[in-house]
């Protein structure tokens, strides 16, 4: 039996998403995602991405942040992965306009399984993504034709959250998670993603 997966491992780490709506029947009001990359061609690093009003051409004072401690890695994740993720595909203009803020410091606060909070601090500012009421973990092995890039086999262990929030500079962004289809179940639109690996087919 062949136990080794063929193909190049482009990156491996954690990649928890967090999506909010102010109107359950409307568009997403905030798309947020965190990366903790343990290995890639661009090394190790962290990135927090928050795009408020992601589909608006005129965002006004909406929060749109990309903060990292490894700028080349962040650019690679944005261009080769985030842009291909389904909810981010219509947000191309917002991604084009993002400034990547380097030199951030990252920390985790957790009272597991009550919550896990990923915190980024930069230039006297902060952004915190919080996943609360964590549920049962389940494993996923997704073939390339079904993955978000269409080019990678994706493995991950997901842990759905019952609720989630985004806080920027001490102010919580409006919106809440909503129930949606997530693989073979219905969950809220936020989950931890442990030990995620993307293997190029």
N, C-alpha and C. Protein backbone atom coordinates (compact mmCIF):
# COMPACT_ATOMS: atom_id res chain seq x y z
N UNK A 1 0.85 -1.20 0.00
CA UNK A 1 0.00 0.00 0.00
C UNK A 1 0.88 1.25 0.00
N UNK A 2 0.49 2.25 -0.81
CA UNK A 2 1.25 3.50 -0.91
C UNK A 2 0.70 4.50 0.10
N UNK A 3 1.49 4.81 1.12
CA UNK A 3 1.05 5.72 2.17
C UNK A 3 1.42 7.17 1.90
N UNK A 4 2.22 7.43 0.86
CA UNK A 4 2.75 8.77 0.61
C UNK A 4 1.93 9.46 -0.46
N UNK A 5 1.44 10.66 -0.17
CA UNK A 5 0.72 11.46 -1.15
C UNK A 5 1.69 12.04 -2.15
N UNK A 6 1.35 11.97 -3.43
CA UNK A 6 2.18 12.57 -4.46
C UNK A 6 1.87 14.07 -4.54
N UNK A 7 2.79 14.83 -5.07
CA UNK A 7 2.58 16.26 -5.25
C UNK A 7 3.36 17.07 -4.24
N UNK A 8 3.50 18.35 -4.54
CA UNK A 8 4.28 19.27 -3.72
C UNK A 8 3.41 19.88 -2.61
N UNK A 9 3.90 19.87 -1.39
CA UNK A 9 3.20 20.54 -0.30
C UNK A 9 3.50 22.03 -0.39
N UNK A 10 2.51 22.84 -0.82
CA UNK A 10 2.73 24.27 -0.97
C UNK A 10 2.76 24.98 0.38
N UNK A 11 1.88 24.56 1.30
CA UNK A 11 1.98 25.07 2.67
C UNK A 11 1.21 24.19 3.62
N UNK A 12 1.59 24.29 4.89
CA UNK A 12 0.88 23.56 5.93
C UNK A 12 0.85 24.43 7.18
N UNK A 13 -0.26 24.36 7.90
CA UNK A 13 -0.42 25.18 9.09
C UNK A 13 -1.87 25.22 9.53
N UNK A 14 -2.29 26.36 10.08
CA UNK A 14 -3.68 26.57 10.49
C UNK A 14 -4.26 27.71 9.65
N UNK A 15 -5.56 27.62 9.36
CA UNK A 15 -6.17 28.59 8.45
C UNK A 15 -7.65 28.79 8.80
N UNK A 16 -7.96 29.26 10.02
CA UNK A 16 -9.36 29.37 10.43
C UNK A 16 -10.07 30.58 9.80
N UNK A 17 -11.26 30.36 9.22
CA UNK A 17 -12.07 31.44 8.66
C UNK A 17 -13.11 31.94 9.65
N UNK A 18 -13.59 33.15 9.37
CA UNK A 18 -14.61 33.78 10.22
C UNK A 18 -15.38 34.77 9.35
N UNK A 19 -16.64 34.48 9.07
CA UNK A 19 -17.45 35.28 8.16
C UNK A 19 -18.70 35.78 8.87
N UNK A 20 -18.98 37.08 8.73
CA UNK A 20 -20.09 37.71 9.45
C UNK A 20 -21.07 38.37 8.49
N UNK A 21 -22.34 38.44 8.95
CA UNK A 21 -23.38 39.18 8.24
C UNK A 21 -24.13 40.08 9.22
N UNK A 22 -24.48 41.29 8.79
CA UNK A 22 -25.38 42.13 9.57
C UNK A 22 -26.83 41.83 9.22
N UNK A 23 -27.05 41.35 8.00
CA UNK A 23 -28.37 40.92 7.55
C UNK A 23 -28.25 39.46 7.11
N UNK A 24 -28.91 38.54 7.81
CA UNK A 24 -28.76 37.12 7.46
C UNK A 24 -29.10 36.80 6.01
N UNK A 25 -29.96 37.63 5.39
CA UNK A 25 -30.36 37.39 4.01
C UNK A 25 -29.56 38.22 3.02
N UNK A 26 -28.62 39.03 3.51
CA UNK A 26 -27.84 39.90 2.65
C UNK A 26 -26.45 39.36 2.37
N UNK A 27 -25.61 40.22 1.78
CA UNK A 27 -24.23 39.85 1.50
C UNK A 27 -23.43 39.77 2.80
N UNK A 28 -22.27 39.15 2.71
CA UNK A 28 -21.37 39.12 3.84
C UNK A 28 -20.91 40.53 4.18
N UNK A 29 -20.91 40.85 5.45
CA UNK A 29 -20.48 42.19 5.87
C UNK A 29 -19.00 42.23 6.23
N UNK A 30 -18.45 41.09 6.69
CA UNK A 30 -17.03 41.02 6.99
C UNK A 30 -16.52 39.62 6.67
N UNK A 31 -15.42 39.57 5.93
CA UNK A 31 -14.70 38.33 5.69
C UNK A 31 -13.37 38.43 6.42
N UNK A 32 -13.07 37.47 7.26
CA UNK A 32 -11.81 37.47 8.00
C UNK A 32 -11.22 36.07 8.00
N UNK A 33 -9.90 36.01 7.98
CA UNK A 33 -9.22 34.73 7.99
C UNK A 33 -7.85 34.91 8.63
N UNK A 34 -7.40 33.88 9.33
CA UNK A 34 -6.10 33.90 9.97
C UNK A 34 -5.26 32.75 9.42
N UNK A 35 -3.98 33.00 9.20
CA UNK A 35 -3.05 31.97 8.77
C UNK A 35 -1.91 31.86 9.79
N UNK A 36 -1.62 30.65 10.20
CA UNK A 36 -0.39 30.34 10.92
C UNK A 36 0.33 29.28 10.10
N UNK A 37 1.30 29.70 9.31
CA UNK A 37 1.97 28.81 8.38
C UNK A 37 3.22 28.22 9.04
N UNK A 38 3.27 26.90 9.09
CA UNK A 38 4.40 26.22 9.70
C UNK A 38 5.47 25.83 8.69
N UNK A 39 5.12 25.79 7.41
CA UNK A 39 6.08 25.47 6.38
C UNK A 39 5.58 25.85 5.01
N UNK A 40 6.45 26.49 4.21
CA UNK A 40 6.14 26.87 2.83
C UNK A 40 7.44 27.28 2.16
N UNK A 41 7.39 27.51 0.84
CA UNK A 41 8.57 28.02 0.14
C UNK A 41 8.94 29.42 0.61
N UNK A 42 8.00 30.11 1.27
CA UNK A 42 8.24 31.46 1.78
C UNK A 42 8.52 31.45 3.28
N UNK A 43 8.76 30.29 3.82
CA UNK A 43 9.09 30.18 5.23
C UNK A 43 7.85 30.08 6.11
N UNK A 44 8.06 30.37 7.38
CA UNK A 44 6.99 30.35 8.36
C UNK A 44 6.46 31.76 8.57
N UNK A 45 5.24 31.86 9.12
CA UNK A 45 4.73 33.19 9.40
C UNK A 45 3.25 33.18 9.71
N UNK A 46 2.74 34.37 10.03
CA UNK A 46 1.34 34.57 10.39
C UNK A 46 0.75 35.70 9.55
N UNK A 47 -0.55 35.63 9.32
CA UNK A 47 -1.25 36.70 8.62
C UNK A 47 -2.68 36.77 9.13
N UNK A 48 -3.17 37.97 9.40
CA UNK A 48 -4.57 38.21 9.70
C UNK A 48 -5.14 39.11 8.61
N UNK A 49 -6.25 38.69 8.04
CA UNK A 49 -6.91 39.46 6.98
C UNK A 49 -8.33 39.77 7.41
N UNK A 50 -8.71 41.05 7.36
CA UNK A 50 -10.07 41.49 7.66
C UNK A 50 -10.53 42.40 6.54
N UNK A 51 -11.63 42.05 5.88
CA UNK A 51 -12.21 42.91 4.84
C UNK A 51 -13.67 43.15 5.18
N UNK A 52 -13.96 44.36 5.63
CA UNK A 52 -15.33 44.76 5.92
C UNK A 52 -15.97 45.31 4.65
N UNK A 53 -17.25 45.06 4.45
CA UNK A 53 -17.95 45.43 3.21
C UNK A 53 -17.13 44.98 2.00
N UNK A 54 -16.86 43.68 1.88
CA UNK A 54 -15.90 43.19 0.88
C UNK A 54 -16.29 43.43 -0.56
N UNK A 55 -17.59 43.58 -0.83
CA UNK A 55 -18.03 43.70 -2.21
C UNK A 55 -18.39 45.13 -2.60
N UNK A 56 -18.13 46.08 -1.70
CA UNK A 56 -18.46 47.48 -1.97
C UNK A 56 -17.37 48.14 -2.80
N UNK A 57 -17.76 48.84 -3.87
CA UNK A 57 -16.78 49.58 -4.67
C UNK A 57 -16.30 50.83 -3.94
N UNK A 58 -17.17 51.42 -3.12
CA UNK A 58 -16.81 52.61 -2.33
C UNK A 58 -16.95 52.25 -0.86
N UNK A 59 -15.89 51.73 -0.24
CA UNK A 59 -16.02 51.18 1.11
C UNK A 59 -16.10 52.21 2.22
N UNK A 60 -15.84 53.50 1.90
CA UNK A 60 -15.87 54.51 2.94
C UNK A 60 -14.84 54.21 4.02
N UNK A 61 -15.27 54.16 5.28
CA UNK A 61 -14.35 53.92 6.38
C UNK A 61 -14.36 52.46 6.83
N UNK A 62 -14.80 51.55 5.96
CA UNK A 62 -14.81 50.13 6.30
C UNK A 62 -13.39 49.65 6.60
N UNK A 63 -13.28 48.74 7.56
CA UNK A 63 -11.98 48.19 7.94
C UNK A 63 -11.52 47.20 6.88
N UNK A 64 -10.32 47.43 6.39
CA UNK A 64 -9.71 46.50 5.43
C UNK A 64 -8.23 46.40 5.78
N UNK A 65 -7.85 45.29 6.39
CA UNK A 65 -6.51 45.14 6.94
C UNK A 65 -5.90 43.81 6.53
N UNK A 66 -4.61 43.85 6.22
CA UNK A 66 -3.81 42.65 6.04
C UNK A 66 -2.53 42.88 6.83
N UNK A 67 -2.35 42.15 7.92
CA UNK A 67 -1.18 42.34 8.78
C UNK A 67 -0.43 41.02 8.90
N UNK A 68 0.90 41.09 8.96
CA UNK A 68 1.71 39.88 8.89
C UNK A 68 3.05 40.10 9.56
N UNK A 69 3.79 39.01 9.73
CA UNK A 69 5.19 39.07 10.14
C UNK A 69 6.10 38.49 9.06
N UNK A 70 5.53 38.27 7.86
CA UNK A 70 6.29 37.73 6.73
C UNK A 70 5.61 38.22 5.46
N UNK A 71 6.03 39.36 4.95
CA UNK A 71 5.33 40.00 3.84
C UNK A 71 5.34 39.17 2.56
N UNK A 72 6.47 38.57 2.15
CA UNK A 72 6.41 37.74 0.94
C UNK A 72 5.44 36.58 1.06
N UNK A 73 5.37 35.98 2.24
CA UNK A 73 4.41 34.90 2.47
C UNK A 73 2.98 35.42 2.37
N UNK A 74 2.72 36.58 2.96
CA UNK A 74 1.37 37.15 2.91
C UNK A 74 0.95 37.45 1.47
N UNK A 75 1.85 38.01 0.68
CA UNK A 75 1.53 38.30 -0.72
C UNK A 75 1.21 37.01 -1.48
N UNK A 76 1.97 35.96 -1.22
CA UNK A 76 1.74 34.67 -1.86
C UNK A 76 0.37 34.11 -1.47
N UNK A 77 0.02 34.17 -0.20
CA UNK A 77 -1.27 33.66 0.26
C UNK A 77 -2.43 34.44 -0.35
N UNK A 78 -2.27 35.76 -0.44
CA UNK A 78 -3.32 36.59 -1.03
C UNK A 78 -3.52 36.25 -2.50
N UNK A 79 -2.43 36.21 -3.25
CA UNK A 79 -2.53 36.08 -4.71
C UNK A 79 -2.84 34.66 -5.16
N UNK A 80 -2.28 33.66 -4.47
CA UNK A 80 -2.39 32.30 -4.94
C UNK A 80 -3.50 31.49 -4.24
N UNK A 81 -4.02 32.02 -3.14
CA UNK A 81 -5.04 31.28 -2.40
C UNK A 81 -6.27 32.13 -2.12
N UNK A 82 -6.14 33.22 -1.36
CA UNK A 82 -7.31 34.01 -0.97
C UNK A 82 -8.14 34.42 -2.18
N UNK A 83 -7.51 34.90 -3.22
CA UNK A 83 -8.25 35.35 -4.40
C UNK A 83 -9.07 34.22 -5.03
N UNK A 84 -8.68 32.98 -4.78
CA UNK A 84 -9.36 31.83 -5.37
C UNK A 84 -10.43 31.25 -4.46
N UNK A 85 -10.46 31.68 -3.19
CA UNK A 85 -11.48 31.19 -2.26
C UNK A 85 -12.83 31.79 -2.64
N UNK A 86 -13.88 30.99 -2.62
CA UNK A 86 -15.16 31.36 -3.22
C UNK A 86 -15.70 32.70 -2.74
N UNK A 87 -15.74 32.95 -1.44
CA UNK A 87 -16.32 34.19 -0.94
C UNK A 87 -15.46 35.40 -1.24
N UNK A 88 -14.17 35.18 -1.50
CA UNK A 88 -13.27 36.30 -1.78
C UNK A 88 -13.16 36.61 -3.28
N UNK A 89 -13.61 35.71 -4.13
CA UNK A 89 -13.48 35.96 -5.57
C UNK A 89 -14.15 37.26 -6.00
N UNK A 90 -15.36 37.57 -5.49
CA UNK A 90 -15.98 38.84 -5.90
C UNK A 90 -15.37 40.06 -5.22
N UNK A 91 -14.40 39.85 -4.33
CA UNK A 91 -13.80 40.96 -3.56
C UNK A 91 -12.45 41.37 -4.13
N UNK A 92 -12.26 41.16 -5.43
CA UNK A 92 -10.97 41.45 -6.05
C UNK A 92 -10.52 42.90 -5.89
N UNK A 93 -11.45 43.84 -6.01
CA UNK A 93 -11.08 45.25 -5.87
C UNK A 93 -10.59 45.55 -4.45
N UNK A 94 -11.25 44.96 -3.48
CA UNK A 94 -10.84 45.18 -2.10
C UNK A 94 -9.45 44.59 -1.85
N UNK A 95 -9.19 43.42 -2.41
CA UNK A 95 -7.88 42.80 -2.24
C UNK A 95 -6.81 43.61 -2.97
N UNK A 96 -7.13 44.12 -4.17
CA UNK A 96 -6.18 44.95 -4.91
C UNK A 96 -5.76 46.17 -4.10
N UNK A 97 -6.68 46.72 -3.33
CA UNK A 97 -6.42 47.97 -2.61
C UNK A 97 -5.75 47.75 -1.25
N UNK A 98 -5.58 46.50 -0.84
CA UNK A 98 -5.00 46.24 0.48
C UNK A 98 -3.54 46.63 0.54
N UNK A 99 -3.17 47.26 1.63
CA UNK A 99 -1.76 47.46 1.95
C UNK A 99 -1.37 46.36 2.94
N UNK A 100 -0.27 45.66 2.66
CA UNK A 100 0.20 44.62 3.56
C UNK A 100 1.07 45.27 4.63
N UNK A 101 0.64 45.19 5.87
CA UNK A 101 1.37 45.78 6.99
C UNK A 101 2.28 44.71 7.59
N UNK A 102 3.58 44.92 7.48
CA UNK A 102 4.54 43.95 7.97
C UNK A 102 4.97 44.31 9.40
N UNK A 103 5.66 43.40 10.05
CA UNK A 103 6.21 43.65 11.38
C UNK A 103 5.24 43.48 12.52
N UNK A 104 4.08 42.85 12.27
CA UNK A 104 3.11 42.63 13.35
C UNK A 104 3.60 41.54 14.29
N UNK A 105 3.12 41.58 15.51
CA UNK A 105 3.37 40.51 16.47
C UNK A 105 2.06 39.79 16.73
N UNK A 106 2.14 38.48 16.93
CA UNK A 106 0.95 37.65 17.03
C UNK A 106 0.97 36.87 18.34
N UNK A 107 -0.22 36.71 18.91
CA UNK A 107 -0.36 35.93 20.13
C UNK A 107 -1.73 35.26 20.14
N UNK A 108 -1.87 34.26 20.98
CA UNK A 108 -3.12 33.51 21.10
C UNK A 108 -3.60 33.55 22.54
N UNK A 109 -4.89 33.85 22.72
CA UNK A 109 -5.52 33.70 24.03
C UNK A 109 -6.61 32.64 23.89
N UNK A 110 -6.68 31.73 24.84
CA UNK A 110 -7.64 30.64 24.69
C UNK A 110 -8.13 30.15 26.04
N UNK A 111 -9.41 29.83 26.09
CA UNK A 111 -10.02 29.09 27.18
C UNK A 111 -10.77 27.94 26.50
N UNK A 112 -10.00 27.01 26.01
CA UNK A 112 -10.51 25.96 25.13
C UNK A 112 -11.39 25.00 25.93
N UNK A 113 -12.56 24.60 25.41
CA UNK A 113 -13.14 24.92 24.10
C UNK A 113 -14.10 26.10 24.11
N UNK A 114 -14.05 26.93 25.16
CA UNK A 114 -14.94 28.09 25.22
C UNK A 114 -14.61 29.09 24.12
N UNK A 115 -13.33 29.36 23.93
CA UNK A 115 -12.94 30.29 22.85
C UNK A 115 -11.46 30.14 22.54
N UNK A 116 -11.11 30.52 21.32
CA UNK A 116 -9.72 30.73 20.90
C UNK A 116 -9.69 32.08 20.21
N UNK A 117 -8.76 32.95 20.61
CA UNK A 117 -8.65 34.29 20.06
C UNK A 117 -7.25 34.50 19.52
N UNK A 118 -7.16 34.85 18.23
CA UNK A 118 -5.88 35.15 17.59
C UNK A 118 -5.74 36.67 17.51
N UNK A 119 -4.65 37.19 18.07
CA UNK A 119 -4.46 38.64 18.21
C UNK A 119 -3.23 39.07 17.42
N UNK A 120 -3.38 40.13 16.64
CA UNK A 120 -2.25 40.75 15.94
C UNK A 120 -2.12 42.18 16.43
N UNK A 121 -0.89 42.59 16.74
CA UNK A 121 -0.61 43.96 17.18
C UNK A 121 0.40 44.60 16.24
N UNK A 122 0.14 45.86 15.89
CA UNK A 122 0.97 46.53 14.89
C UNK A 122 0.77 48.03 15.00
N UNK A 123 1.86 48.79 14.97
CA UNK A 123 1.80 50.26 14.95
C UNK A 123 0.86 50.82 16.01
N UNK A 124 0.88 50.27 17.20
CA UNK A 124 0.00 50.74 18.26
C UNK A 124 -1.45 50.34 18.10
N UNK A 125 -1.74 49.46 17.18
CA UNK A 125 -3.10 49.02 16.90
C UNK A 125 -3.22 47.52 17.17
N UNK A 126 -4.45 47.01 17.10
CA UNK A 126 -4.65 45.58 17.30
C UNK A 126 -5.88 45.10 16.55
N UNK A 127 -5.86 43.83 16.19
CA UNK A 127 -7.03 43.17 15.62
C UNK A 127 -7.11 41.79 16.25
N UNK A 128 -8.30 41.40 16.68
CA UNK A 128 -8.51 40.12 17.34
C UNK A 128 -9.64 39.37 16.66
N UNK A 129 -9.38 38.13 16.29
CA UNK A 129 -10.39 37.24 15.74
C UNK A 129 -10.69 36.19 16.81
N UNK A 130 -11.96 36.04 17.16
CA UNK A 130 -12.35 35.16 18.26
C UNK A 130 -13.37 34.13 17.79
N UNK A 131 -13.07 32.86 18.02
CA UNK A 131 -13.96 31.75 17.74
C UNK A 131 -14.46 31.21 19.08
N UNK A 132 -15.77 31.18 19.28
CA UNK A 132 -16.36 30.79 20.58
C UNK A 132 -17.25 29.56 20.43
N UNK A 133 -17.49 28.90 21.57
CA UNK A 133 -18.39 27.74 21.62
C UNK A 133 -17.97 26.67 20.61
N UNK A 134 -16.74 26.22 20.75
CA UNK A 134 -16.16 25.29 19.79
C UNK A 134 -16.81 23.91 19.90
N UNK A 135 -17.08 23.34 18.72
CA UNK A 135 -17.76 22.06 18.67
C UNK A 135 -16.81 20.90 18.42
N UNK A 136 -17.36 19.82 17.92
CA UNK A 136 -16.59 18.60 17.68
C UNK A 136 -15.76 18.74 16.41
N UNK A 137 -14.53 18.27 16.47
CA UNK A 137 -13.65 18.30 15.30
C UNK A 137 -14.05 17.22 14.30
N UNK A 138 -13.80 17.51 13.00
CA UNK A 138 -13.97 16.48 11.98
C UNK A 138 -12.90 16.69 10.91
N UNK A 139 -12.50 15.61 10.26
CA UNK A 139 -11.41 15.65 9.29
C UNK A 139 -11.95 15.67 7.87
N UNK A 140 -11.22 16.38 6.99
CA UNK A 140 -11.61 16.52 5.59
C UNK A 140 -10.40 16.21 4.70
N UNK A 141 -10.63 15.44 3.66
CA UNK A 141 -9.66 15.22 2.59
C UNK A 141 -10.37 15.57 1.29
N UNK A 142 -9.98 16.69 0.69
CA UNK A 142 -10.72 17.22 -0.45
C UNK A 142 -9.87 17.09 -1.72
N UNK A 143 -10.38 16.44 -2.76
CA UNK A 143 -9.59 16.28 -4.00
C UNK A 143 -9.48 17.60 -4.75
N UNK A 144 -8.49 17.71 -5.64
CA UNK A 144 -8.25 18.98 -6.33
C UNK A 144 -9.47 19.55 -7.04
N UNK A 145 -10.25 18.70 -7.69
CA UNK A 145 -11.39 19.21 -8.46
C UNK A 145 -12.45 19.87 -7.58
N UNK A 146 -12.42 19.57 -6.29
CA UNK A 146 -13.40 20.15 -5.37
C UNK A 146 -12.82 21.24 -4.48
N UNK A 147 -11.51 21.42 -4.50
CA UNK A 147 -10.88 22.38 -3.59
C UNK A 147 -11.07 23.81 -4.11
N UNK A 148 -10.82 24.76 -3.25
CA UNK A 148 -11.05 26.17 -3.59
C UNK A 148 -10.15 26.65 -4.72
N UNK A 149 -8.94 26.10 -4.84
CA UNK A 149 -8.04 26.52 -5.92
C UNK A 149 -8.26 25.71 -7.19
N UNK A 150 -8.82 24.51 -7.06
CA UNK A 150 -8.94 23.62 -8.20
C UNK A 150 -7.62 22.99 -8.60
N UNK A 151 -6.56 23.25 -7.83
CA UNK A 151 -5.22 22.78 -8.19
C UNK A 151 -4.56 21.99 -7.06
N UNK A 152 -5.22 21.93 -5.90
CA UNK A 152 -4.60 21.31 -4.73
C UNK A 152 -5.51 20.26 -4.11
N UNK A 153 -4.87 19.22 -3.59
CA UNK A 153 -5.55 18.35 -2.65
C UNK A 153 -5.43 19.02 -1.28
N UNK A 154 -6.53 19.13 -0.55
CA UNK A 154 -6.53 19.85 0.72
C UNK A 154 -6.94 18.90 1.85
N UNK A 155 -6.13 18.91 2.91
CA UNK A 155 -6.43 18.14 4.11
C UNK A 155 -6.55 19.11 5.28
N UNK A 156 -7.53 18.90 6.14
CA UNK A 156 -7.67 19.76 7.30
C UNK A 156 -8.52 19.07 8.36
N UNK A 157 -8.36 19.53 9.59
CA UNK A 157 -9.24 19.15 10.68
C UNK A 157 -10.00 20.41 11.10
N UNK A 158 -11.30 20.42 10.86
CA UNK A 158 -12.13 21.58 11.16
C UNK A 158 -12.82 21.42 12.51
N UNK A 159 -13.01 22.54 13.17
CA UNK A 159 -13.74 22.57 14.44
C UNK A 159 -14.69 23.75 14.40
N UNK A 160 -15.96 23.52 14.06
CA UNK A 160 -16.91 24.62 13.94
C UNK A 160 -17.08 25.39 15.25
N UNK A 161 -17.33 26.68 15.10
CA UNK A 161 -17.61 27.55 16.24
C UNK A 161 -19.10 27.87 16.28
N UNK A 162 -19.63 28.03 17.48
CA UNK A 162 -21.03 28.42 17.62
C UNK A 162 -21.26 29.89 17.37
N UNK A 163 -20.22 30.70 17.55
CA UNK A 163 -20.28 32.14 17.28
C UNK A 163 -18.85 32.64 17.12
N UNK A 164 -18.71 33.88 16.63
CA UNK A 164 -17.38 34.44 16.40
C UNK A 164 -17.48 35.95 16.30
N UNK A 165 -16.32 36.60 16.43
CA UNK A 165 -16.32 38.06 16.36
C UNK A 165 -14.98 38.57 15.87
N UNK A 166 -15.01 39.80 15.36
CA UNK A 166 -13.81 40.53 14.93
C UNK A 166 -13.77 41.84 15.69
N UNK A 167 -12.65 42.11 16.35
CA UNK A 167 -12.47 43.35 17.10
C UNK A 167 -11.23 44.07 16.59
N UNK A 168 -11.39 45.33 16.20
CA UNK A 168 -10.28 46.13 15.69
C UNK A 168 -10.13 47.36 16.57
N UNK A 169 -8.93 47.52 17.13
CA UNK A 169 -8.64 48.64 18.03
C UNK A 169 -9.68 48.76 19.14
N UNK A 170 -10.06 47.62 19.69
CA UNK A 170 -11.00 47.59 20.80
C UNK A 170 -12.46 47.72 20.42
N UNK A 171 -12.77 47.90 19.15
CA UNK A 171 -14.15 48.06 18.70
C UNK A 171 -14.58 46.83 17.92
N UNK A 172 -15.68 46.22 18.36
CA UNK A 172 -16.18 45.02 17.69
C UNK A 172 -16.92 45.41 16.41
N UNK A 173 -16.57 44.75 15.31
CA UNK A 173 -17.26 45.02 14.06
C UNK A 173 -18.67 44.45 14.10
N UNK A 174 -19.61 45.11 13.44
CA UNK A 174 -20.99 44.61 13.44
C UNK A 174 -21.12 43.30 12.68
N UNK A 175 -22.17 42.55 13.00
CA UNK A 175 -22.44 41.31 12.29
C UNK A 175 -22.25 40.10 13.17
N UNK A 176 -22.79 38.99 12.71
CA UNK A 176 -22.67 37.73 13.42
C UNK A 176 -22.57 36.59 12.42
N UNK A 177 -22.17 35.44 12.91
CA UNK A 177 -22.13 34.28 12.04
C UNK A 177 -23.55 33.85 11.67
N UNK A 178 -23.65 33.12 10.57
CA UNK A 178 -24.93 32.58 10.12
C UNK A 178 -24.75 31.11 9.80
N UNK A 179 -25.85 30.37 9.85
CA UNK A 179 -25.79 28.94 9.54
C UNK A 179 -25.63 28.75 8.04
N UNK A 180 -24.79 27.79 7.66
CA UNK A 180 -24.57 27.52 6.25
C UNK A 180 -24.16 26.06 6.07
N UNK A 181 -24.18 25.59 4.82
CA UNK A 181 -23.68 24.27 4.49
C UNK A 181 -22.16 24.28 4.59
N UNK A 182 -21.61 23.29 5.27
CA UNK A 182 -20.15 23.20 5.42
C UNK A 182 -19.78 21.73 5.32
N UNK A 183 -19.29 21.35 4.13
CA UNK A 183 -19.03 19.95 3.82
C UNK A 183 -20.31 19.13 4.04
N UNK A 184 -20.33 18.15 4.92
CA UNK A 184 -21.50 17.27 5.02
C UNK A 184 -22.44 17.66 6.16
N UNK A 185 -22.38 18.94 6.60
CA UNK A 185 -23.19 19.33 7.76
C UNK A 185 -23.56 20.80 7.68
N UNK A 186 -24.41 21.22 8.61
CA UNK A 186 -24.78 22.62 8.76
C UNK A 186 -24.06 23.17 9.98
N UNK A 187 -23.34 24.28 9.80
CA UNK A 187 -22.63 24.90 10.91
C UNK A 187 -22.72 26.41 10.77
N UNK A 188 -22.28 27.11 11.81
CA UNK A 188 -22.12 28.54 11.71
C UNK A 188 -20.92 28.87 10.81
N UNK A 189 -20.87 30.11 10.33
CA UNK A 189 -19.89 30.50 9.32
C UNK A 189 -18.54 30.90 9.93
N UNK A 190 -18.06 30.07 10.84
CA UNK A 190 -16.74 30.26 11.44
C UNK A 190 -16.27 28.93 11.97
N UNK A 191 -14.99 28.67 11.84
CA UNK A 191 -14.45 27.40 12.33
C UNK A 191 -12.95 27.53 12.49
N UNK A 192 -12.40 26.81 13.45
CA UNK A 192 -10.96 26.61 13.47
C UNK A 192 -10.61 25.60 12.39
N UNK A 193 -9.41 25.76 11.83
CA UNK A 193 -8.93 24.82 10.81
C UNK A 193 -7.53 24.42 11.22
N UNK A 194 -7.43 23.24 11.82
CA UNK A 194 -6.18 22.75 12.38
C UNK A 194 -5.41 21.93 11.33
N UNK A 195 -4.10 22.06 11.36
CA UNK A 195 -3.23 21.15 10.58
C UNK A 195 -3.64 21.10 9.11
N UNK A 196 -3.91 22.27 8.55
CA UNK A 196 -4.35 22.33 7.15
C UNK A 196 -3.14 22.25 6.22
N UNK A 197 -3.28 21.46 5.16
CA UNK A 197 -2.19 21.28 4.21
C UNK A 197 -2.74 21.32 2.79
N UNK A 198 -2.05 22.05 1.92
CA UNK A 198 -2.44 22.18 0.51
C UNK A 198 -1.35 21.56 -0.34
N UNK A 199 -1.68 20.48 -1.08
CA UNK A 199 -0.73 19.70 -1.85
C UNK A 199 -1.07 19.84 -3.32
N UNK A 200 -0.12 20.40 -4.07
CA UNK A 200 -0.39 20.66 -5.49
C UNK A 200 -0.48 19.34 -6.25
N UNK A 201 -1.54 19.20 -7.01
CA UNK A 201 -1.78 17.94 -7.73
C UNK A 201 -0.75 17.78 -8.86
